Amino acid sequence: MWFSNLYIYRFTKPFAFSAKQVDNRLLKNEFQACSSLQASSYGWVPPLGRHGEQFIHEANGNILVCARKEEKILPAAVIRDIVNDKVAEIEENQARQVRRKERETMRDEVMLDLLPKAFSRSNLTFAYICPHDNLLVVNASSAKKSEELLNQLRSSLGTLPVVAPVMKTSPAAIMTRWLDKNKAPTNFIIGDECELRDANDEGGIIRCKHQDLTADEIQSHLSAGKQVVKLSITWGDCLSCLISEDLSIKRLRFSDEILEQSNEVEAADVVARFDAEFSIMTLELAQFIPSLLEAFGGEDDTAYHAAD
């Protein structure tokens, strides 16, 4: 149970539900597999999978939830080819042109015909609520997947007053300053990967991997006005990651020392192992996230009051 990506959200009001209440609400929106004519399905499953029945897992006051999404696989190229064949047949046999609206109707009919025969794929998205710190953390590979979980959680609970952290200073400006001066805040070490972008919307993008970011060529790009929009960092002896200008975190990796802590815990079964890993991970993130937000100049608390 180790998150590899983070989308961080701040509650603008204290979280008002107990773990039991969350479990009851999620149960009412339990995941149901796609029907034969359903293109996708989204709902909640127990975080422990077949090893658990509750729709939450709680440790150290943190509430873990898990959403499952199932989608039918309908390749666009296959649908397009079938529609094109039907259009060609009509135009040839009836000597008329197929208009856009008729083509769209035909496409919908093809999809309905293919849905019962289509394979499906599913994926899980985990998130945890930390009422003590007024945080919600989603382990998602994209903003879209994170928003899907937020929308489902908001629908299940009836309310979810969260926003992405509002910072006093632009994170891109902060990271640019770090790289320009080759100096990050205490406990942060600049890595060997970054993405630079011109300030104007149509500007170029430079991506660097496994590079010495103190090299003259990097500094010349900064002098030319490019900003750092992604930067890899290491935080203490605990973790490394790639930070984006929206403060989303990708490729999160916990250090061997942290992983060994979980291995040293005597876990009698899968559930105990899961609980140990979740507890250790959330304890580390409870220290990392405030440190990260402070390193980026702190949050603008007045923005949260305005959102109330």
Protein backbone atom coordinates (compact mmCIF):
# COMPACT_ATOMS: atom_id res chain seq x y z
CA MET A 1 0.00 0.00 0.00
CA TRP A 2 2.34 2.70 -1.27
CA PHE A 3 1.05 5.69 -3.22
CA SER A 4 3.06 6.52 -6.36
CA ASN A 5 1.30 9.78 -7.32
CA LEU A 6 -0.24 12.52 -5.22
CA TYR A 7 -2.96 15.07 -5.85
CA ILE A 8 -3.31 17.09 -2.66
CA TYR A 9 -6.49 18.91 -1.64
CA ARG A 10 -7.26 21.16 1.31
CA PHE A 11 -10.60 21.04 3.13
CA THR A 12 -12.07 24.54 3.39
CA LYS A 13 -14.28 23.30 6.24
CA PRO A 14 -13.57 20.60 8.86
CA PHE A 15 -14.43 17.10 7.69
CA ALA A 16 -17.76 16.34 9.34
CA PHE A 17 -18.06 12.55 8.95
CA SER A 18 -16.87 9.71 11.14
CA ALA A 19 -15.21 6.67 9.58
CA LYS A 20 -18.39 4.66 10.16
CA GLN A 21 -20.52 7.29 8.45
CA VAL A 22 -18.19 7.33 5.45
CA ASP A 23 -18.37 3.53 5.24
CA ASN A 24 -22.18 3.62 5.26
CA ARG A 25 -22.32 6.31 2.58
CA LEU A 26 -19.90 4.50 0.29
CA LEU A 27 -21.79 1.24 0.67
CA LYS A 28 -24.79 2.89 -0.98
CA ASN A 29 -22.61 3.61 -4.03
CA GLU A 30 -20.93 0.23 -4.22
CA PHE A 31 -19.29 -0.63 -7.53
CA GLN A 32 -21.47 -2.57 -9.95
CA ALA A 33 -20.03 -4.27 -13.02
CA CYS A 34 -21.02 -2.89 -16.41
CA SER A 35 -24.23 -4.22 -17.87
CA SER A 36 -24.19 -5.48 -21.44
CA LEU A 37 -25.18 -2.07 -22.80
CA GLN A 38 -23.19 0.05 -20.35
CA ALA A 39 -19.96 1.66 -21.58
CA SER A 40 -18.50 2.30 -18.11
CA SER A 41 -19.20 1.94 -14.41
CA TYR A 42 -17.73 3.68 -11.35
CA GLY A 43 -18.20 2.90 -7.67
CA TRP A 44 -16.60 2.03 -4.35
CA VAL A 45 -14.90 -1.21 -3.36
CA PRO A 46 -13.26 -2.27 -0.07
CA PRO A 47 -9.64 -0.98 0.02
CA LEU A 48 -8.57 -4.42 1.26
CA GLY A 49 -10.19 -6.10 -1.72
CA ARG A 50 -11.24 -9.69 -1.05
CA HIS A 51 -9.56 -9.48 2.36
CA GLY A 52 -12.04 -6.92 3.68
CA GLU A 53 -15.72 -6.03 3.74
CA GLN A 54 -15.65 -2.40 4.89
CA PHE A 55 -15.52 0.35 2.31
CA ILE A 56 -12.93 2.26 4.33
CA HIS A 57 -9.70 1.36 6.07
CA GLU A 58 -8.73 3.49 9.06
CA ALA A 59 -5.31 3.98 10.64
CA ASN A 60 -3.91 6.83 12.75
CA GLY A 61 -7.14 8.75 12.15
CA ASN A 62 -6.73 8.57 8.36
CA ILE A 63 -9.59 7.14 6.29
CA LEU A 64 -8.62 5.21 3.17
CA VAL A 65 -11.12 4.73 0.33
CA CYS A 66 -10.90 2.96 -3.00
CA ALA A 67 -12.84 3.56 -6.21
CA ARG A 68 -13.07 1.11 -9.10
CA LYS A 69 -13.76 2.08 -12.69
CA GLU A 70 -14.68 -0.42 -15.39
CA GLU A 71 -14.69 0.55 -19.07
CA LYS A 72 -15.66 -1.35 -22.18
CA ILE A 73 -12.89 -1.38 -24.77
CA LEU A 74 -14.25 -0.08 -28.06
CA PRO A 75 -11.36 1.01 -30.32
CA ALA A 76 -12.28 4.21 -32.16
CA ALA A 77 -10.65 2.91 -35.34
CA VAL A 78 -12.92 -0.17 -35.37
CA ILE A 79 -16.07 1.95 -34.91
CA ARG A 80 -14.91 4.37 -37.58
CA ASP A 81 -14.27 1.60 -40.11
CA ILE A 82 -17.69 0.02 -39.56
CA VAL A 83 -19.44 3.38 -39.87
CA ASN A 84 -17.48 4.24 -43.02
CA ASP A 85 -18.48 0.91 -44.58
CA LYS A 86 -22.15 1.55 -43.78
CA VAL A 87 -21.95 5.09 -45.14
CA ALA A 88 -20.31 3.90 -48.36
CA GLU A 89 -22.98 1.23 -48.81
CA ILE A 90 -25.84 3.73 -48.36
CA GLU A 91 -24.29 6.31 -50.68
CA GLU A 92 -23.71 3.68 -53.34
CA ASN A 93 -27.07 1.92 -53.12
CA GLN A 94 -29.26 4.97 -52.51
CA ALA A 95 -27.28 7.50 -54.54
CA ARG A 96 -27.33 10.12 -51.80
CA GLN A 97 -24.94 11.70 -49.34
CA VAL A 98 -25.00 10.70 -45.68
CA ARG A 99 -25.16 13.85 -43.54
CA ARG A 100 -23.35 14.40 -40.26
CA LYS A 101 -26.39 13.85 -38.02
CA GLU A 102 -27.19 10.53 -39.70
CA ARG A 103 -23.54 9.50 -39.42
CA GLU A 104 -23.56 10.27 -35.68
CA THR A 105 -26.75 8.24 -35.22
CA MET A 106 -25.13 5.40 -37.12
CA ARG A 107 -22.08 5.61 -34.86
CA ASP A 108 -24.25 5.35 -31.74
CA GLU A 109 -25.99 2.30 -33.18
CA VAL A 110 -22.66 0.64 -33.94
CA MET A 111 -21.48 1.26 -30.38
CA LEU A 112 -24.66 -0.24 -28.92
CA ASP A 113 -24.21 -3.27 -31.15
CA LEU A 114 -20.58 -3.75 -30.11
CA LEU A 115 -20.93 -3.08 -26.35
CA PRO A 116 -22.26 -6.56 -25.37
CA LYS A 117 -19.35 -8.17 -27.22
CA ALA A 118 -16.62 -5.83 -25.96
CA PHE A 119 -13.90 -6.74 -23.49
CA SER A 120 -13.65 -4.59 -20.39
CA ARG A 121 -10.81 -3.26 -18.29
CA SER A 122 -10.84 -1.88 -14.78
CA ASN A 123 -8.57 0.13 -12.52
CA LEU A 124 -8.49 1.19 -8.89
CA THR A 125 -7.92 4.66 -7.49
CA PHE A 126 -7.06 5.06 -3.81
CA ALA A 127 -7.35 8.17 -1.67
CA TYR A 128 -7.22 8.97 2.01
CA ILE A 129 -8.81 11.64 4.13
CA CYS A 130 -6.77 13.15 6.95
CA PRO A 131 -9.28 15.05 9.12
CA HIS A 132 -6.56 16.10 11.59
CA ASP A 133 -4.67 18.04 8.90
CA ASN A 134 -7.71 18.97 6.79
CA LEU A 135 -6.23 17.13 3.80
CA LEU A 136 -7.46 14.77 1.12
CA VAL A 137 -4.75 12.92 -0.83
CA VAL A 138 -5.50 11.05 -4.06
CA ASN A 139 -3.20 8.49 -5.66
CA ALA A 140 -3.99 9.20 -9.32
CA SER A 141 -1.87 9.33 -12.45
CA SER A 142 -3.82 12.26 -13.92
CA ALA A 143 -5.95 15.20 -12.86
CA LYS A 144 -8.91 13.62 -14.68
CA LYS A 145 -8.74 10.44 -12.59
CA SER A 146 -8.37 12.46 -9.43
CA GLU A 147 -11.42 14.57 -10.30
CA GLU A 148 -13.43 11.42 -11.04
CA LEU A 149 -12.80 10.19 -7.51
CA LEU A 150 -13.59 13.60 -6.00
CA ASN A 151 -16.86 13.78 -7.89
CA GLN A 152 -17.86 10.29 -6.78
CA LEU A 153 -16.92 11.02 -3.16
CA ARG A 154 -18.84 14.31 -3.25
CA SER A 155 -21.87 12.49 -4.64
CA SER A 156 -21.65 9.76 -1.99
CA LEU A 157 -21.17 12.09 0.97
CA GLY A 158 -23.42 14.86 -0.27
CA THR A 159 -20.65 17.41 0.26
CA LEU A 160 -16.90 17.66 -0.21
CA PRO A 161 -15.52 21.16 0.42
CA VAL A 162 -12.00 20.72 -0.95
CA VAL A 163 -9.77 22.77 -3.23
CA ALA A 164 -6.22 22.38 -4.48
CA PRO A 165 -3.72 24.23 -2.25
CA VAL A 166 -3.73 27.96 -2.95
CA MET A 167 -0.18 29.24 -2.59
CA LYS A 168 1.06 32.73 -1.80
CA THR A 169 3.68 32.47 -4.56
CA SER A 170 3.67 30.73 -7.94
CA PRO A 171 5.21 27.25 -7.55
CA ALA A 172 6.82 27.64 -11.00
CA ALA A 173 8.52 30.84 -9.83
CA ILE A 174 9.73 29.11 -6.66
CA MET A 175 11.20 26.13 -8.56
CA THR A 176 12.82 28.49 -11.07
CA ARG A 177 14.48 30.34 -8.21
CA TRP A 178 15.74 27.07 -6.71
CA LEU A 179 17.29 25.98 -9.97
CA ASP A 180 18.65 29.42 -10.82
CA LYS A 181 20.46 29.65 -7.50
CA ASN A 182 21.09 25.87 -7.32
CA LYS A 183 19.74 25.97 -3.79
CA ALA A 184 16.61 24.33 -2.41
CA PRO A 185 15.19 24.75 1.12
CA THR A 186 16.55 22.72 4.00
CA ASN A 187 15.91 18.98 3.68
CA PHE A 188 15.22 19.25 -0.08
CA ILE A 189 17.76 18.21 -2.71
CA ILE A 190 17.36 19.08 -6.39
CA GLY A 191 17.44 15.99 -8.61
CA ASP A 192 18.45 15.41 -12.23
CA GLU A 193 15.17 16.01 -14.06
CA CYS A 194 13.22 19.12 -14.96
CA GLU A 195 10.89 20.65 -17.52
CA LEU A 196 11.34 24.24 -18.64
CA ARG A 197 8.74 26.31 -20.45
CA ASP A 198 8.64 29.76 -21.98
CA ALA A 199 6.47 32.21 -20.08
CA ASN A 200 4.21 32.84 -23.10
CA ASP A 201 1.60 30.23 -23.97
CA GLU A 202 3.10 29.43 -27.35
CA GLY A 203 6.64 29.12 -26.07
CA GLY A 204 8.91 26.12 -26.37
CA ILE A 205 9.35 23.34 -23.82
CA ILE A 206 12.65 21.78 -22.79
CA ARG A 207 12.64 18.41 -21.01
CA CYS A 208 15.77 17.20 -19.25
CA LYS A 209 16.37 13.75 -17.75
CA HIS A 210 19.47 12.40 -16.08
CA GLN A 211 21.10 15.82 -16.53
CA ASP A 212 23.28 18.02 -14.39
CA LEU A 213 20.79 20.80 -13.78
CA THR A 214 23.57 23.18 -12.78
CA ALA A 215 25.08 23.02 -16.29
CA ASP A 216 25.51 26.22 -18.29
CA GLU A 217 22.95 25.17 -20.92
CA ILE A 218 20.23 24.93 -18.24
CA GLN A 219 21.23 28.28 -16.80
CA SER A 220 21.10 29.86 -20.26
CA HIS A 221 17.49 28.72 -20.68
CA LEU A 222 16.63 30.26 -17.31
CA SER A 223 18.38 33.49 -18.29
CA ALA A 224 16.31 33.53 -21.48
CA GLY A 225 13.14 33.60 -19.38
CA LYS A 226 12.09 29.97 -19.25
CA GLN A 227 10.39 28.80 -16.05
CA VAL A 228 10.67 25.47 -14.26
CA VAL A 229 7.29 23.73 -14.40
CA LYS A 230 8.50 20.29 -13.26
CA LEU A 231 11.41 19.41 -11.00
CA SER A 232 12.63 16.21 -9.38
CA ILE A 233 13.60 16.43 -5.72
CA THR A 234 14.64 14.25 -2.82
CA TRP A 235 13.24 14.97 0.62
CA GLY A 236 15.60 14.02 3.41
CA ASP A 237 16.24 10.29 3.62
CA CYS A 238 12.58 9.51 3.10
CA LEU A 239 11.39 9.90 -0.48
CA SER A 240 11.96 11.26 -3.96
CA CYS A 241 9.46 12.55 -6.53
CA LEU A 242 8.75 14.81 -9.49
CA ILE A 243 6.87 17.99 -8.56
CA SER A 244 4.73 19.85 -11.10
CA GLU A 245 3.73 23.51 -11.06
CA ASP A 246 0.23 22.56 -9.85
CA LEU A 247 1.92 20.79 -6.90
CA SER A 248 0.84 17.39 -8.15
CA ILE A 249 3.46 14.74 -7.52
CA LYS A 250 4.48 11.94 -9.85
CA ARG A 251 6.84 8.98 -9.54
CA LEU A 252 6.78 9.09 -5.76
CA ARG A 253 9.28 6.63 -4.35
CA PHE A 254 9.86 5.95 -0.69
CA SER A 255 13.42 5.26 0.41
CA ASP A 256 14.72 1.80 1.21
CA GLU A 257 14.90 2.83 4.87
CA ILE A 258 11.17 3.58 4.95
CA LEU A 259 10.28 0.39 3.11
CA GLU A 260 12.43 -1.60 5.53
CA GLN A 261 10.44 -0.18 8.44
CA SER A 262 7.34 -1.89 7.13
CA ASN A 263 9.25 -5.12 6.57
CA GLU A 264 10.38 -5.08 10.20
CA VAL A 265 6.80 -4.93 11.44
CA GLU A 266 5.53 -8.35 12.44
CA ALA A 267 2.48 -8.84 10.25
CA ALA A 268 0.55 -12.06 10.75
CA ASP A 269 -1.47 -11.78 7.54
CA VAL A 270 -2.23 -9.67 4.47
CA VAL A 271 -4.50 -7.31 6.41
CA ALA A 272 -1.84 -6.61 9.04
CA ARG A 273 0.78 -5.99 6.35
CA PHE A 274 -1.57 -3.62 4.50
CA ASP A 275 -2.30 -1.74 7.73
CA ALA A 276 1.41 -1.43 8.59
CA GLU A 277 2.28 -0.04 5.16
CA PHE A 278 -0.63 2.41 5.16
CA SER A 279 0.25 3.62 8.66
CA ILE A 280 3.93 4.19 7.83
CA MET A 281 3.14 5.86 4.51
CA THR A 282 0.62 8.30 5.99
CA LEU A 283 2.96 9.15 8.87
CA GLU A 284 5.68 10.08 6.38
CA LEU A 285 3.32 12.07 4.19
CA ALA A 286 1.96 13.86 7.27
CA GLN A 287 5.46 15.33 7.61
CA PHE A 288 6.31 15.70 3.93
CA ILE A 289 3.20 17.57 2.74
CA PRO A 290 3.43 20.45 5.27
CA SER A 291 7.17 20.67 4.60
CA LEU A 292 6.50 20.83 0.85
CA LEU A 293 3.84 23.54 1.18
CA GLU A 294 6.12 25.57 3.44
CA ALA A 295 9.01 25.20 0.99
CA PHE A 296 6.78 26.68 -1.71
CA GLY A 297 6.10 29.80 0.31
CA GLY A 298 3.07 28.70 2.29
CA GLU A 299 -0.64 28.73 1.58
CA ASP A 300 -2.87 31.75 1.15
CA ASP A 301 -5.37 31.04 3.95
CA THR A 302 -7.57 33.97 2.93
CA ALA A 303 -8.48 32.08 -0.26
CA TYR A 304 -9.92 29.22 1.80
CA HIS A 305 -12.06 31.57 3.86
CA ALA A 306 -13.39 33.06 0.63
CA ALA A 307 -14.35 29.56 -0.55
CA ASP A 308 -16.43 28.86 2.60
